[in-house]
Amino acid sequence: MRIESDPLTCENCGDLDHGDVETVPEVPKLDPESYAVEGEGTDVYVCRGCGSVLGVR
């Protein structure tokens, strides 16, 4: 999937245009067991309407 060109769908809001997606930069990566921050942050794509995470770069 390419966030720049593929159709997007939000569980809460339905089909989205690319203008309905917000990029949250430099979100910390967490170890799922210890919750320790690992490495560099990454971009996360969220729905502007409800804030649900749509994808991670």
PDB file of N, CA and C in Angstrom:
ATOM      1  N   MET A   1       0.843  -1.187   0.000  1.00  0.00           N
ATOM      2  CA  MET A   1       0.000   0.000   0.000  1.00  0.00           C
ATOM      3  C   MET A   1       0.881   1.239   0.000  1.00  0.00           C
ATOM      4  N   ARG A   2       0.522   2.203  -0.823  1.00  0.00           N
ATOM      5  CA  ARG A   2       1.225   3.485  -0.868  1.00  0.00           C
ATOM      6  C   ARG A   2       0.263   4.553  -0.395  1.00  0.00           C
ATOM      7  N   ILE A   3       0.575   5.176   0.717  1.00  0.00           N
ATOM      8  CA  ILE A   3      -0.303   6.181   1.318  1.00  0.00           C
ATOM      9  C   ILE A   3      -0.565   7.336   0.342  1.00  0.00           C
ATOM     10  N   GLU A   4       0.392   7.596  -0.570  1.00  0.00           N
ATOM     11  CA  GLU A   4       0.256   8.722  -1.490  1.00  0.00           C
ATOM     12  C   GLU A   4      -0.769   8.479  -2.591  1.00  0.00           C
ATOM     13  N   SER A   5      -1.025   7.199  -2.947  1.00  0.00           N
ATOM     14  CA  SER A   5      -1.863   6.948  -4.113  1.00  0.00           C
ATOM     15  C   SER A   5      -2.996   5.945  -3.910  1.00  0.00           C
ATOM     16  N   ASP A   6      -2.926   5.082  -2.920  1.00  0.00           N
ATOM     17  CA  ASP A   6      -3.955   4.060  -2.727  1.00  0.00           C
ATOM     18  C   ASP A   6      -5.189   4.623  -2.022  1.00  0.00           C
ATOM     19  N   PRO A   7      -6.365   4.032  -2.267  1.00  0.00           N
ATOM     20  CA  PRO A   7      -7.575   4.464  -1.563  1.00  0.00           C
ATOM     21  C   PRO A   7      -7.430   4.191  -0.066  1.00  0.00           C
ATOM     22  N   LEU A   8      -8.026   5.044   0.741  1.00  0.00           N
ATOM     23  CA  LEU A   8      -7.920   4.923   2.188  1.00  0.00           C
ATOM     24  C   LEU A   8      -9.295   4.752   2.803  1.00  0.00           C
ATOM     25  N   THR A   9      -9.372   3.952   3.851  1.00  0.00           N
ATOM     26  CA  THR A   9     -10.624   3.738   4.566  1.00  0.00           C
ATOM     27  C   THR A   9     -10.351   3.802   6.059  1.00  0.00           C
ATOM     28  N   CYS A  10     -11.235   4.473   6.780  1.00  0.00           N
ATOM     29  CA  CYS A  10     -11.175   4.551   8.241  1.00  0.00           C
ATOM     30  C   CYS A  10     -12.305   3.683   8.797  1.00  0.00           C
ATOM     31  N   GLU A  11     -12.028   2.899   9.838  1.00  0.00           N
ATOM     32  CA  GLU A  11     -13.060   2.050  10.450  1.00  0.00           C
ATOM     33  C   GLU A  11     -14.260   2.869  10.919  1.00  0.00           C
ATOM     34  N   ASN A  12     -14.011   4.090  11.381  1.00  0.00           N
ATOM     35  CA  ASN A  12     -15.074   4.923  11.943  1.00  0.00           C
ATOM     36  C   ASN A  12     -15.735   5.849  10.928  1.00  0.00           C
ATOM     37  N   CYS A  13     -14.948   6.375   9.992  1.00  0.00           N
ATOM     38  CA  CYS A  13     -15.444   7.417   9.081  1.00  0.00           C
ATOM     39  C   CYS A  13     -15.713   6.930   7.661  1.00  0.00           C
ATOM     40  N   GLY A  14     -15.290   5.715   7.309  1.00  0.00           N
ATOM     41  CA  GLY A  14     -15.510   5.196   5.963  1.00  0.00           C
ATOM     42  C   GLY A  14     -14.405   5.605   5.006  1.00  0.00           C
ATOM     43  N   ASP A  15     -14.766   5.746   3.717  1.00  0.00           N
ATOM     44  CA  ASP A  15     -13.787   6.095   2.688  1.00  0.00           C
ATOM     45  C   ASP A  15     -13.276   7.515   2.898  1.00  0.00           C
ATOM     46  N   LEU A  16     -11.974   7.703   2.666  1.00  0.00           N
ATOM     47  CA  LEU A  16     -11.335   8.998   2.874  1.00  0.00           C
ATOM     48  C   LEU A  16     -10.647   9.466   1.607  1.00  0.00           C
ATOM     49  N   ASP A  17     -10.581  10.787   1.440  1.00  0.00           N
ATOM     50  CA  ASP A  17      -9.719  11.392   0.432  1.00  0.00           C
ATOM     51  C   ASP A  17      -8.366  11.605   1.094  1.00  0.00           C
ATOM     52  N   HIS A  18      -7.338  11.828   0.302  1.00  0.00           N
ATOM     53  CA  HIS A  18      -6.011  12.021   0.887  1.00  0.00           C
ATOM     54  C   HIS A  18      -5.940  13.298   1.719  1.00  0.00           C
ATOM     55  N   GLY A  19      -6.828  14.256   1.473  1.00  0.00           N
ATOM     56  CA  GLY A  19      -6.898  15.458   2.302  1.00  0.00           C
ATOM     57  C   GLY A  19      -7.476  15.199   3.682  1.00  0.00           C
ATOM     58  N   ASP A  20      -8.099  14.033   3.873  1.00  0.00           N
ATOM     59  CA  ASP A  20      -8.682  13.657   5.163  1.00  0.00           C
ATOM     60  C   ASP A  20      -7.668  12.973   6.071  1.00  0.00           C
ATOM     61  N   VAL A  21      -6.431  12.848   5.601  1.00  0.00           N
ATOM     62  CA  VAL A  21      -5.392  12.147   6.351  1.00  0.00           C
ATOM     63  C   VAL A  21      -4.375  13.164   6.859  1.00  0.00           C
ATOM     64  N   GLU A  22      -4.014  13.030   8.118  1.00  0.00           N
ATOM     65  CA  GLU A  22      -3.021  13.904   8.736  1.00  0.00           C
ATOM     66  C   GLU A  22      -1.773  13.078   9.040  1.00  0.00           C
ATOM     67  N   THR A  23      -0.600  13.664   8.858  1.00  0.00           N
ATOM     68  CA  THR A  23       0.655  12.998   9.195  1.00  0.00           C
ATOM     69  C   THR A  23       1.141  13.523  10.533  1.00  0.00           C
ATOM     70  N   VAL A  24       1.385  12.616  11.466  1.00  0.00           N
ATOM     71  CA  VAL A  24       1.951  12.972  12.763  1.00  0.00           C
ATOM     72  C   VAL A  24       3.416  12.541  12.712  1.00  0.00           C
ATOM     73  N   PRO A  25       4.349  13.515  12.679  1.00  0.00           N
ATOM     74  CA  PRO A  25       5.760  13.163  12.509  1.00  0.00           C
ATOM     75  C   PRO A  25       6.435  12.726  13.807  1.00  0.00           C
ATOM     76  N   GLU A  26       7.483  11.934  13.644  1.00  0.00           N
ATOM     77  CA  GLU A  26       8.392  11.569  14.730  1.00  0.00           C
ATOM     78  C   GLU A  26       7.709  10.952  15.945  1.00  0.00           C
ATOM     79  N   VAL A  27       6.764  10.050  15.708  1.00  0.00           N
ATOM     80  CA  VAL A  27       6.112   9.322  16.799  1.00  0.00           C
ATOM     81  C   VAL A  27       7.102   8.265  17.294  1.00  0.00           C
ATOM     82  N   PRO A  28       7.353   8.203  18.604  1.00  0.00           N
ATOM     83  CA  PRO A  28       8.323   7.226  19.115  1.00  0.00           C
ATOM     84  C   PRO A  28       7.882   5.791  18.860  1.00  0.00           C
ATOM     85  N   LYS A  29       8.849   4.933  18.563  1.00  0.00           N
ATOM     86  CA  LYS A  29       8.594   3.496  18.424  1.00  0.00           C
ATOM     87  C   LYS A  29       8.758   2.877  19.807  1.00  0.00           C
ATOM     88  N   LEU A  30       7.798   2.061  20.215  1.00  0.00           N
ATOM     89  CA  LEU A  30       7.850   1.432  21.530  1.00  0.00           C
ATOM     90  C   LEU A  30       8.001  -0.075  21.412  1.00  0.00           C
ATOM     91  N   ASP A  31       8.787  -0.654  22.311  1.00  0.00           N
ATOM     92  CA  ASP A  31       8.872  -2.102  22.425  1.00  0.00           C
ATOM     93  C   ASP A  31       7.556  -2.573  23.036  1.00  0.00           C
ATOM     94  N   PRO A  32       6.837  -3.505  22.397  1.00  0.00           N
ATOM     95  CA  PRO A  32       5.514  -3.902  22.892  1.00  0.00           C
ATOM     96  C   PRO A  32       5.529  -4.606  24.249  1.00  0.00           C
ATOM     97  N   GLU A  33       6.668  -5.163  24.639  1.00  0.00           N
ATOM     98  CA  GLU A  33       6.728  -5.854  25.927  1.00  0.00           C
ATOM     99  C   GLU A  33       7.155  -4.938  27.063  1.00  0.00           C
ATOM    100  N   SER A  34       8.157  -4.097  26.816  1.00  0.00           N
ATOM    101  CA  SER A  34       8.683  -3.253  27.898  1.00  0.00           C
ATOM    102  C   SER A  34       8.202  -1.806  27.813  1.00  0.00           C
ATOM    103  N   TYR A  35       7.611  -1.427  26.686  1.00  0.00           N
ATOM    104  CA  TYR A  35       7.191  -0.051  26.408  1.00  0.00           C
ATOM    105  C   TYR A  35       8.369   0.918  26.371  1.00  0.00           C
ATOM    106  N   ALA A  36       9.575   0.400  26.212  1.00  0.00           N
ATOM    107  CA  ALA A  36      10.757   1.245  26.094  1.00  0.00           C
ATOM    108  C   ALA A  36      10.795   1.860  24.698  1.00  0.00           C
ATOM    109  N   VAL A  37      11.241   3.107  24.614  1.00  0.00           N
ATOM    110  CA  VAL A  37      11.382   3.786  23.329  1.00  0.00           C
ATOM    111  C   VAL A  37      12.581   3.190  22.607  1.00  0.00           C
ATOM    112  N   GLU A  38      12.385   2.845  21.321  1.00  0.00           N
ATOM    113  CA  GLU A  38      13.443   2.229  20.525  1.00  0.00           C
ATOM    114  C   GLU A  38      13.712   3.038  19.273  1.00  0.00           C
ATOM    115  N   GLY A  39      14.965   3.302  18.991  1.00  0.00           N
ATOM    116  CA  GLY A  39      15.359   3.916  17.731  1.00  0.00           C
ATOM    117  C   GLY A  39      14.752   5.286  17.491  1.00  0.00           C
ATOM    118  N   GLU A  40      14.727   5.655  16.212  1.00  0.00           N
ATOM    119  CA  GLU A  40      14.197   6.956  15.805  1.00  0.00           C
ATOM    120  C   GLU A  40      12.680   6.900  15.686  1.00  0.00           C
ATOM    121  N   GLY A  41      12.055   8.061  15.753  1.00  0.00           N
ATOM    122  CA  GLY A  41      10.610   8.142  15.564  1.00  0.00           C
ATOM    123  C   GLY A  41      10.232   7.879  14.120  1.00  0.00           C
ATOM    124  N   THR A  42       8.947   7.703  13.882  1.00  0.00           N
ATOM    125  CA  THR A  42       8.447   7.441  12.535  1.00  0.00           C
ATOM    126  C   THR A  42       7.179   8.257  12.302  1.00  0.00           C
ATOM    127  N   ASP A  43       6.816   8.450  11.051  1.00  0.00           N
ATOM    128  CA  ASP A  43       5.580   9.158  10.721  1.00  0.00           C
ATOM    129  C   ASP A  43       4.395   8.206  10.847  1.00  0.00           C
ATOM    130  N   VAL A  44       3.301   8.716  11.401  1.00  0.00           N
ATOM    131  CA  VAL A  44       2.073   7.943  11.541  1.00  0.00           C
ATOM    132  C   VAL A  44       0.970   8.710  10.828  1.00  0.00           C
ATOM    133  N   TYR A  45       0.142   7.997  10.062  1.00  0.00           N
ATOM    134  CA  TYR A  45      -0.960   8.609   9.331  1.00  0.00           C
ATOM    135  C   TYR A  45      -2.251   8.367  10.095  1.00  0.00           C
ATOM    136  N   VAL A  46      -2.990   9.461  10.377  1.00  0.00           N
ATOM    137  CA  VAL A  46      -4.227   9.358  11.145  1.00  0.00           C
ATOM    138  C   VAL A  46      -5.378  10.034  10.401  1.00  0.00           C
ATOM    139  N   CYS A  47      -6.596   9.601  10.703  1.00  0.00           N
ATOM    140  CA  CYS A  47      -7.802  10.198  10.145  1.00  0.00           C
ATOM    141  C   CYS A  47      -8.023  11.556  10.801  1.00  0.00           C
ATOM    142  N   ARG A  48      -8.211  12.598   9.991  1.00  0.00           N
ATOM    143  CA  ARG A  48      -8.477  13.932  10.543  1.00  0.00           C
ATOM    144  C   ARG A  48      -9.808  13.982  11.284  1.00  0.00           C
ATOM    145  N   GLY A  49     -10.761  13.149  10.891  1.00  0.00           N
ATOM    146  CA  GLY A  49     -12.084  13.182  11.499  1.00  0.00           C
ATOM    147  C   GLY A  49     -12.134  12.624  12.900  1.00  0.00           C
ATOM    148  N   CYS A  50     -11.503  11.457  13.112  1.00  0.00           N
ATOM    149  CA  CYS A  50     -11.629  10.797  14.418  1.00  0.00           C
ATOM    150  C   CYS A  50     -10.298  10.510  15.098  1.00  0.00           C
ATOM    151  N   GLY A  51      -9.180  10.655  14.380  1.00  0.00           N
ATOM    152  CA  GLY A  51      -7.866  10.423  14.973  1.00  0.00           C
ATOM    153  C   GLY A  51      -7.391   8.986  14.946  1.00  0.00           C
ATOM    154  N   SER A  52      -8.149   8.080  14.319  1.00  0.00           N
ATOM    155  CA  SER A  52      -7.723   6.678  14.246  1.00  0.00           C
ATOM    156  C   SER A  52      -6.459   6.548  13.402  1.00  0.00           C
ATOM    157  N   VAL A  53      -5.570   5.659  13.818  1.00  0.00           N
ATOM    158  CA  VAL A  53      -4.343   5.402  13.064  1.00  0.00           C
ATOM    159  C   VAL A  53      -4.694   4.622  11.804  1.00  0.00           C
ATOM    160  N   LEU A  54      -4.221   5.132  10.656  1.00  0.00           N
ATOM    161  CA  LEU A  54      -4.475   4.495   9.363  1.00  0.00           C
ATOM    162  C   LEU A  54      -3.256   3.741   8.856  1.00  0.00           C
ATOM    163  N   GLY A  55      -2.080   4.188   9.238  1.00  0.00           N
ATOM    164  CA  GLY A  55      -0.865   3.546   8.758  1.00  0.00           C
ATOM    165  C   GLY A  55       0.369   4.156   9.378  1.00  0.00           C
ATOM    166  N   VAL A  56       1.484   3.465   9.198  1.00  0.00           N
ATOM    167  CA  VAL A  56       2.773   3.894   9.728  1.00  0.00           C
ATOM    168  C   VAL A  56       3.770   3.853   8.596  1.00  0.00           C
ATOM    169  N   ARG A  57       4.608   4.863   8.522  1.00  0.00           N
ATOM    170  CA  ARG A  57       5.630   4.887   7.469  1.00  0.00           C
ATOM    171  C   ARG A  57       6.691   3.880   7.786  1.00  0.00           C
TER     172      ARG A  57
END
